[in-house]
């Protein structure tokens, strides 16, 4: 297929596809799916080999959030029967993190519910970062605390944080349909604050909330402009008790096409399969490793994930290897020059005139099929896999050993 040959060529040269090309990936048929995976896999292996980076979540503060994000079980008004607790003490958080590191995790992600941290909260997290790093030499720590105020990113960097996560989640045009208590611009501002402080920016999306193909392409192109080092791709976990509990738009095939599209748009960025892979990719998870070079190990914030040992077996059986603590995740040009996003001299094709159709409105190279403009069909009732959604009852905030 001319489209895939073009996208592979662009990916190897770090050249941005056109929006039409990205939409065409999402519009490919199931008959072409393995060709799409193989093509995106060439780009993934070129920049990241067969390494898989493992990340581990520690939920520092669960539930009780004043924000109304429709996808979230911790939101204001949520009736989801999740664990609710206030800030973990540094030693408890460090103990939880150690379980993930022992399981092979290279990065620990410290997450807290809420609109954003107070200065006192930043001090708490600083103590937790120190405790984790004192007990786990070489581990990366990423903080995810919500919207940042001026100076807070700098303080987290000084405390030893390596990265900051704040997802855009969906396109700017539909953001108000998902959340009303803060804006899309607020989220962009926080990612920019993390960048400015010298933190590695981590920002991604949630697929499966009823968005169109155009929405998915819009948010991925917006992420590319923000230039994060890692892009987590979440697949909505429809938790009972949340407004989106009935949203089951995803199939394993669609999830793979979404991951392929992200890889083509962000060829040399850490693409991470995040929440929902077990629910929506299911037995197709090993194929997704050909597209993403990073996953979360074990459980998520409020839901249970696949057993950690099963993750490790899956990686090995699929012919991949866990990335070691001494290995650098990103390609050298990103690790040393600060990224590949929209910098004019970065050579990524994201500025006007960069190769074939590198700017908005350019035509498609090759015979790309036309893209659909509506959400994927909703699965029938007997296809809804609510049995795969389990509330987390172990790990952080409990006396039960974590899953790692």
Protein backbone atom coordinates (compact mmCIF):
# COMPACT_ATOMS: atom_id res chain seq x y z
CA UNK A 1 0.00 0.00 0.00
CA UNK A 2 1.48 3.34 -1.09
CA UNK A 3 0.16 5.02 2.08
CA UNK A 4 2.11 2.70 4.38
CA UNK A 5 5.31 2.94 2.33
CA UNK A 6 5.07 6.72 2.54
CA UNK A 7 4.45 6.68 6.29
CA UNK A 8 7.35 4.33 6.96
CA UNK A 9 9.67 6.53 4.91
CA UNK A 10 8.52 9.63 6.78
CA UNK A 11 8.80 7.89 10.14
CA UNK A 12 12.39 6.85 9.52
CA UNK A 13 13.20 10.47 8.61
CA UNK A 14 11.19 11.93 11.54
CA UNK A 15 8.96 13.75 9.09
CA UNK A 16 5.42 14.61 10.12
CA UNK A 17 2.61 12.90 8.17
CA UNK A 18 -0.23 14.98 6.86
CA UNK A 19 -3.52 14.95 8.74
CA UNK A 20 -5.07 13.17 5.78
CA UNK A 21 -2.49 10.40 6.05
CA UNK A 22 -3.08 10.05 9.79
CA UNK A 23 -6.83 9.85 9.21
CA UNK A 24 -6.26 7.26 6.51
CA UNK A 25 -4.49 4.98 8.99
CA UNK A 26 -7.58 5.03 11.21
CA UNK A 27 -9.77 4.29 8.18
CA UNK A 28 -7.89 1.19 7.04
CA UNK A 29 -9.82 -2.07 6.98
CA UNK A 30 -9.35 -5.09 9.21
CA UNK A 31 -8.03 -6.91 6.14
CA UNK A 32 -5.13 -4.43 6.07
CA UNK A 33 -4.54 -4.42 9.83
CA UNK A 34 -1.47 -6.66 9.90
CA UNK A 35 0.10 -4.58 7.13
CA UNK A 36 -0.51 -1.44 9.21
CA UNK A 37 1.05 -3.05 12.30
CA UNK A 38 4.04 -4.28 10.30
CA UNK A 39 4.64 -0.83 8.79
CA UNK A 40 4.41 1.02 12.10
CA UNK A 41 6.54 -1.71 13.65
CA UNK A 42 9.39 -0.85 11.28
CA UNK A 43 9.35 2.71 12.61
CA UNK A 44 9.15 1.54 16.22
CA UNK A 45 12.08 -0.87 15.83
CA UNK A 46 14.18 1.71 13.98
CA UNK A 47 14.09 4.10 16.94
CA UNK A 48 13.64 1.73 19.90
CA UNK A 49 14.71 -1.74 18.80
CA UNK A 50 12.82 -4.46 20.64
CA UNK A 51 13.05 -2.84 24.07
CA UNK A 52 9.95 -2.34 26.25
CA UNK A 53 10.13 0.19 29.07
CA UNK A 54 8.15 -0.72 32.18
CA UNK A 55 6.43 1.95 34.28
CA UNK A 56 4.70 1.55 37.63
CA UNK A 57 1.88 3.67 39.06
CA UNK A 58 1.59 4.66 42.72
CA UNK A 59 -1.69 6.40 43.58
CA UNK A 60 -0.65 8.80 46.34
CA UNK A 61 -4.16 10.14 46.98
CA UNK A 62 -7.26 8.39 45.69
CA UNK A 63 -10.73 9.81 45.04
CA UNK A 64 -12.19 12.97 46.53
CA UNK A 65 -11.42 15.08 43.44
CA UNK A 66 -13.28 18.37 42.85
CA UNK A 67 -12.94 18.17 39.06
CA UNK A 68 -15.71 16.70 36.86
CA UNK A 69 -13.73 14.79 34.20
CA UNK A 70 -16.36 12.42 32.79
CA UNK A 71 -13.97 9.52 32.24
CA UNK A 72 -12.59 9.47 35.79
CA UNK A 73 -13.73 7.26 38.66
CA UNK A 74 -12.26 9.79 41.12
CA UNK A 75 -14.30 12.73 39.78
CA UNK A 76 -16.71 14.96 41.61
CA UNK A 77 -19.98 13.03 41.94
CA UNK A 78 -18.52 9.67 41.00
CA UNK A 79 -20.48 6.70 42.29
CA UNK A 80 -17.73 4.24 41.45
CA UNK A 81 -16.88 2.13 44.49
CA UNK A 82 -13.16 2.84 44.41
CA UNK A 83 -10.60 3.11 47.18
CA UNK A 84 -10.63 6.56 48.79
CA UNK A 85 -7.75 7.78 50.93
CA UNK A 86 -5.71 10.90 51.54
CA UNK A 87 -1.96 11.34 51.02
CA UNK A 88 0.24 8.30 51.53
CA UNK A 89 3.23 8.90 53.77
CA UNK A 90 6.62 8.80 52.02
CA UNK A 91 7.61 5.42 53.49
CA UNK A 92 4.34 3.80 52.35
CA UNK A 93 4.69 5.27 48.86
CA UNK A 94 8.31 4.15 48.69
CA UNK A 95 7.35 0.63 49.71
CA UNK A 96 4.73 0.51 46.95
CA UNK A 97 7.24 1.85 44.42
CA UNK A 98 9.83 -0.75 45.44
CA UNK A 99 7.43 -3.53 44.45
CA UNK A 100 7.21 -2.10 40.94
CA UNK A 101 10.97 -1.62 40.65
CA UNK A 102 11.51 -5.21 41.81
CA UNK A 103 9.16 -6.31 39.03
CA UNK A 104 11.30 -4.57 36.42
CA UNK A 105 9.85 -1.05 36.34
CA UNK A 106 12.31 1.62 35.31
CA UNK A 107 10.02 4.56 36.05
CA UNK A 108 7.69 5.17 38.99
CA UNK A 109 4.73 7.47 38.35
CA UNK A 110 3.44 9.27 41.44
CA UNK A 111 -0.18 10.32 40.90
CA UNK A 112 -2.54 12.30 43.13
CA UNK A 113 -6.16 13.18 42.50
CA UNK A 114 -7.24 16.81 42.62
CA UNK A 115 -7.24 19.97 40.54
CA UNK A 116 -3.60 20.64 41.34
CA UNK A 117 -1.15 20.61 44.24
CA UNK A 118 -0.81 23.22 46.94
CA UNK A 119 2.70 24.25 47.88
CA UNK A 120 2.37 22.00 50.91
CA UNK A 121 1.44 19.13 48.61
CA UNK A 122 4.57 19.77 46.56
CA UNK A 123 6.60 19.52 49.76
CA UNK A 124 4.91 16.18 50.52
CA UNK A 125 5.71 14.83 47.09
CA UNK A 126 9.28 16.10 47.36
CA UNK A 127 9.71 13.99 50.49
CA UNK A 128 8.26 10.98 48.71
CA UNK A 129 10.57 11.44 45.71
CA UNK A 130 13.57 11.53 48.06
CA UNK A 131 12.43 8.39 49.88
CA UNK A 132 11.97 6.49 46.62
CA UNK A 133 15.29 7.55 45.16
CA UNK A 134 17.17 6.84 48.39
CA UNK A 135 15.91 3.25 48.33
CA UNK A 136 15.92 2.58 44.58
CA UNK A 137 19.10 3.69 42.88
CA UNK A 138 18.68 4.89 39.31
CA UNK A 139 14.88 4.82 39.23
CA UNK A 140 13.10 7.55 37.25
CA UNK A 141 10.29 9.40 39.01
CA UNK A 142 7.43 11.07 37.16
CA UNK A 143 4.93 13.23 39.07
CA UNK A 144 1.30 13.61 38.01
CA UNK A 145 -0.43 16.03 40.37
CA UNK A 146 -2.80 18.01 38.17
CA UNK A 147 -2.56 21.64 37.10
CA UNK A 148 0.66 23.35 38.20
CA UNK A 149 1.00 26.88 39.54
CA UNK A 150 3.99 29.08 38.77
CA UNK A 151 7.19 27.77 40.29
CA UNK A 152 5.88 24.33 41.25
CA UNK A 153 7.47 22.52 38.31
CA UNK A 154 10.83 24.03 39.26
CA UNK A 155 10.40 22.85 42.84
CA UNK A 156 9.59 19.32 41.70
CA UNK A 157 12.66 19.32 39.48
CA UNK A 158 14.81 20.48 42.37
CA UNK A 159 13.32 17.71 44.52
CA UNK A 160 14.56 15.10 42.06
CA UNK A 161 11.58 14.53 39.77
CA UNK A 162 12.63 13.50 36.28
CA UNK A 163 9.32 13.98 34.47
CA UNK A 164 5.85 15.41 34.78
CA UNK A 165 2.70 13.87 33.32
CA UNK A 166 -0.37 15.84 32.33
CA UNK A 167 -2.51 14.46 29.51
CA UNK A 168 -4.46 16.49 26.96
CA UNK A 169 -6.89 13.53 26.76
CA UNK A 170 -8.98 14.68 23.78
CA UNK A 171 -9.17 17.35 21.11
CA UNK A 172 -9.54 21.01 22.00
CA UNK A 173 -12.87 21.22 20.15
CA UNK A 174 -14.49 18.48 22.25
CA UNK A 175 -12.74 19.07 25.56
CA UNK A 176 -15.66 21.02 27.02
CA UNK A 177 -17.92 18.01 26.47
CA UNK A 178 -15.68 15.91 28.74
CA UNK A 179 -14.68 18.38 31.47
CA UNK A 180 -16.14 21.74 32.56
CA UNK A 181 -14.16 22.57 35.72
CA UNK A 182 -10.96 23.44 33.84
CA UNK A 183 -10.01 24.06 30.22
CA UNK A 184 -7.91 22.50 27.52
CA UNK A 185 -5.70 25.58 27.68
CA UNK A 186 -5.08 24.91 31.38
CA UNK A 187 -3.70 21.50 30.47
CA UNK A 188 -1.48 22.87 27.72
CA UNK A 189 -0.13 25.47 30.15
CA UNK A 190 0.88 22.80 32.67
CA UNK A 191 2.77 20.77 30.05
CA UNK A 192 4.58 23.93 29.02
CA UNK A 193 5.47 24.69 32.65
CA UNK A 194 7.00 21.22 32.98
CA UNK A 195 9.04 21.76 29.82
CA UNK A 196 10.25 25.17 30.98
CA UNK A 197 11.42 23.72 34.30
CA UNK A 198 13.57 21.12 32.56
CA UNK A 199 11.31 18.18 33.36
CA UNK A 200 10.73 15.53 30.72
CA UNK A 201 7.17 16.18 29.57
CA UNK A 202 4.75 13.26 29.43
CA UNK A 203 1.36 13.92 27.84
CA UNK A 204 -1.12 11.69 26.08
CA UNK A 205 -4.72 10.91 25.28
CA UNK A 206 -7.73 8.77 26.10
CA UNK A 207 -9.42 6.94 23.21
CA UNK A 208 -12.91 5.51 23.34
CA UNK A 209 -14.90 8.45 24.74
CA UNK A 210 -17.10 8.78 21.65
CA UNK A 211 -14.64 10.94 19.74
CA UNK A 212 -14.36 11.04 15.93
CA UNK A 213 -11.29 10.09 13.96
CA UNK A 214 -10.68 13.81 13.45
CA UNK A 215 -10.63 14.32 17.23
CA UNK A 216 -8.01 11.61 17.63
CA UNK A 217 -5.81 13.08 14.93
CA UNK A 218 -6.27 16.59 16.33
CA UNK A 219 -5.13 15.63 19.82
CA UNK A 220 -2.13 13.64 18.55
CA UNK A 221 -1.02 16.53 16.34
CA UNK A 222 -1.46 18.88 19.31
CA UNK A 223 0.71 16.57 21.38
CA UNK A 224 3.33 16.56 18.65
CA UNK A 225 3.38 20.36 18.78
CA UNK A 226 3.90 20.26 22.57
CA UNK A 227 6.89 17.96 22.07
CA UNK A 228 6.54 15.52 24.99
CA UNK A 229 9.18 12.83 25.38
CA UNK A 230 6.49 10.24 26.14
CA UNK A 231 2.92 9.87 24.93
CA UNK A 232 0.67 7.55 26.97
CA UNK A 233 -2.25 6.16 24.98
CA UNK A 234 -5.12 5.30 27.33
CA UNK A 235 -8.16 3.32 26.26
CA UNK A 236 -11.21 4.35 28.26
CA UNK A 237 -11.99 2.01 31.15
CA UNK A 238 -15.79 2.40 31.39
CA UNK A 239 -16.16 2.34 35.17
CA UNK A 240 -19.63 1.85 36.60
CA UNK A 241 -20.69 4.99 38.45
CA UNK A 242 -19.12 7.42 35.93
CA UNK A 243 -20.84 9.30 33.08
CA UNK A 244 -18.99 7.28 30.44
CA UNK A 245 -19.76 3.84 31.89
CA UNK A 246 -21.76 2.89 28.78
CA UNK A 247 -19.11 4.01 26.26
CA UNK A 248 -17.81 0.83 24.63
CA UNK A 249 -16.66 2.04 21.21
CA UNK A 250 -13.35 0.21 21.01
CA UNK A 251 -12.34 -3.08 19.44
CA UNK A 252 -8.85 -4.61 19.54
CA UNK A 253 -8.44 -3.74 15.86
CA UNK A 254 -9.32 -0.08 16.40
CA UNK A 255 -6.92 0.15 19.32
CA UNK A 256 -4.11 -1.16 17.13
CA UNK A 257 -4.92 1.37 14.41
CA UNK A 258 -4.88 4.18 16.97
CA UNK A 259 -1.48 3.08 18.29
CA UNK A 260 -0.13 2.84 14.75
CA UNK A 261 -1.35 6.34 13.95
CA UNK A 262 0.34 7.70 17.09
CA UNK A 263 3.58 5.95 16.17
CA UNK A 264 3.58 7.43 12.67
CA UNK A 265 2.92 10.96 14.01
CA UNK A 266 5.40 10.57 16.90
CA UNK A 267 7.98 8.17 15.44
CA UNK A 268 10.86 8.75 17.86
CA UNK A 269 8.84 9.40 21.04
CA UNK A 270 8.18 6.92 23.83
CA UNK A 271 4.68 5.67 23.03
CA UNK A 272 3.20 3.99 26.08
CA UNK A 273 0.21 1.67 26.21
CA UNK A 274 -1.51 2.90 29.35
CA UNK A 275 -4.86 2.23 31.04
CA UNK A 276 -7.37 -0.06 29.37
CA UNK A 277 -5.12 -2.31 27.31
CA UNK A 278 -6.37 -5.43 29.08
CA UNK A 279 -10.00 -4.37 28.61
CA UNK A 280 -9.88 -3.46 24.93
CA UNK A 281 -6.79 -5.07 23.34
CA UNK A 282 -7.28 -8.29 25.29
CA UNK A 283 -5.52 -11.17 23.51
CA UNK A 284 -4.15 -8.74 20.91
CA UNK A 285 -1.87 -7.07 23.46
CA UNK A 286 1.32 -8.74 22.14
CA UNK A 287 0.71 -7.23 18.68
CA UNK A 288 0.58 -3.79 20.27
CA UNK A 289 4.19 -4.18 21.43
CA UNK A 290 5.15 -3.80 17.77
CA UNK A 291 3.75 -0.25 17.95
CA UNK A 292 4.46 0.98 21.49
CA UNK A 293 7.78 0.73 23.31
CA UNK A 294 6.45 1.27 26.82
CA UNK A 295 3.71 -0.13 29.08
CA UNK A 296 2.49 0.10 32.65
CA UNK A 297 3.24 -2.89 34.84
CA UNK A 298 0.46 -4.32 37.00
CA UNK A 299 -2.43 -2.26 38.34
CA UNK A 300 -3.60 1.26 37.50
CA UNK A 301 -4.92 4.05 39.72
CA UNK A 302 -8.34 2.70 40.66
CA UNK A 303 -8.65 -0.43 38.50
CA UNK A 304 -6.74 -3.68 38.38
CA UNK A 305 -4.49 -4.54 35.49
CA UNK A 306 -2.94 -7.72 34.21
CA UNK A 307 -0.70 -9.55 36.68
CA UNK A 308 2.87 -8.29 36.57
CA UNK A 309 4.32 -11.73 35.83
CA UNK A 310 1.88 -12.06 32.91
CA UNK A 311 3.16 -8.77 31.49
CA UNK A 312 6.73 -10.05 31.65
CA UNK A 313 5.79 -13.36 30.04
CA UNK A 314 3.91 -11.54 27.29
CA UNK A 315 6.93 -9.36 26.50
CA UNK A 316 9.27 -12.35 26.34
CA UNK A 317 6.88 -14.54 24.33
CA UNK A 318 6.39 -11.76 21.77
CA UNK A 319 10.15 -11.58 21.20
CA UNK A 320 10.76 -8.32 23.04
CA UNK A 321 12.95 -7.54 26.05
CA UNK A 322 12.53 -5.39 29.13
CA UNK A 323 14.55 -2.20 28.95
CA UNK A 324 17.31 -2.18 31.56
CA UNK A 325 17.88 0.52 34.15
CA UNK A 326 21.16 1.49 32.51
CA UNK A 327 19.70 1.90 29.03
CA UNK A 328 18.60 5.26 27.64
CA UNK A 329 14.98 5.11 26.50
CA UNK A 330 14.98 7.87 23.90
CA UNK A 331 17.03 8.01 20.70
CA UNK A 332 20.24 9.97 21.10
CA UNK A 333 19.03 13.07 19.25
CA UNK A 334 16.10 13.43 21.67
CA UNK A 335 18.02 12.48 24.78
CA UNK A 336 20.73 15.06 24.09
CA UNK A 337 18.91 17.80 22.19
CA UNK A 338 15.66 17.99 24.16
CA UNK A 339 13.19 16.43 21.79
CA UNK A 340 11.82 16.29 18.32
CA UNK A 341 8.59 18.26 18.40
CA UNK A 342 7.96 21.50 16.63
CA UNK A 343 11.43 23.07 16.98
CA UNK A 344 12.30 24.69 13.66
CA UNK A 345 15.71 23.02 13.43
CA UNK A 346 14.75 19.66 14.85
CA UNK A 347 14.47 17.96 11.49
CA UNK A 348 11.12 16.36 12.27
CA UNK A 349 9.12 17.70 9.37
CA UNK A 350 6.78 19.56 11.69
CA UNK A 351 7.57 22.98 10.26
CA UNK A 352 6.23 24.33 6.98
CA UNK A 353 7.90 22.99 3.88
CA UNK A 354 9.37 19.91 5.54
CA UNK A 355 9.01 17.34 2.82
CA UNK A 356 5.80 16.04 1.33
CA UNK A 357 2.78 17.57 2.98
CA UNK A 358 4.55 18.48 6.21
CA UNK A 359 2.22 21.41 6.83
CA UNK A 360 -1.52 21.54 7.34
CA UNK A 361 -3.65 21.27 4.25
CA UNK A 362 -1.13 19.39 2.15
CA UNK A 363 -2.31 16.53 0.01
CA UNK A 364 -1.87 12.82 0.61
CA UNK A 365 1.11 10.96 -0.85
CA UNK A 366 -0.04 7.70 -2.35
CA UNK A 367 -3.39 6.00 -2.55
CA UNK A 368 -4.80 6.67 0.91
CA UNK A 369 -8.41 5.68 1.47
CA UNK A 370 -10.83 8.33 2.60
CA UNK A 371 -11.23 8.61 6.37
CA UNK A 372 -14.43 8.16 8.34
CA UNK A 373 -15.72 11.20 10.21
CA UNK A 374 -17.88 9.42 12.75
CA UNK A 375 -17.09 7.34 15.81
CA UNK A 376 -16.65 3.61 15.44
CA UNK A 377 -19.88 1.63 15.75
CA UNK A 378 -20.94 0.87 19.30
CA UNK A 379 -20.53 -2.86 20.06
CA UNK A 380 -23.69 -4.85 20.74
CA UNK A 381 -24.69 -5.50 24.35
CA UNK A 382 -23.27 -9.01 24.33
CA UNK A 383 -19.88 -7.57 23.32
CA UNK A 384 -19.54 -5.32 26.35
CA UNK A 385 -16.85 -6.83 28.54
CA UNK A 386 -17.71 -5.36 31.92
CA UNK A 387 -16.28 -8.51 33.46
CA UNK A 388 -12.82 -7.21 32.53
CA UNK A 389 -13.19 -4.03 34.62
CA UNK A 390 -12.20 -4.64 38.23
CA UNK A 391 -11.81 -2.01 40.94
CA UNK A 392 -8.36 -2.04 42.55
CA UNK A 393 -8.46 -3.46 46.08
CA UNK A 394 -4.74 -4.02 46.65
CA UNK A 395 -1.51 -2.07 46.70
CA UNK A 396 -1.31 1.61 47.65
CA UNK A 397 -3.84 2.61 50.29
CA UNK A 398 -4.40 -0.99 51.45
CA UNK A 399 -2.63 -3.62 53.54
CA UNK A 400 -2.60 -6.06 50.62
CA UNK A 401 0.55 -6.58 48.57
CA UNK A 402 0.56 -4.68 45.26
CA UNK A 403 0.42 -6.33 41.86
CA UNK A 404 3.81 -5.87 40.24
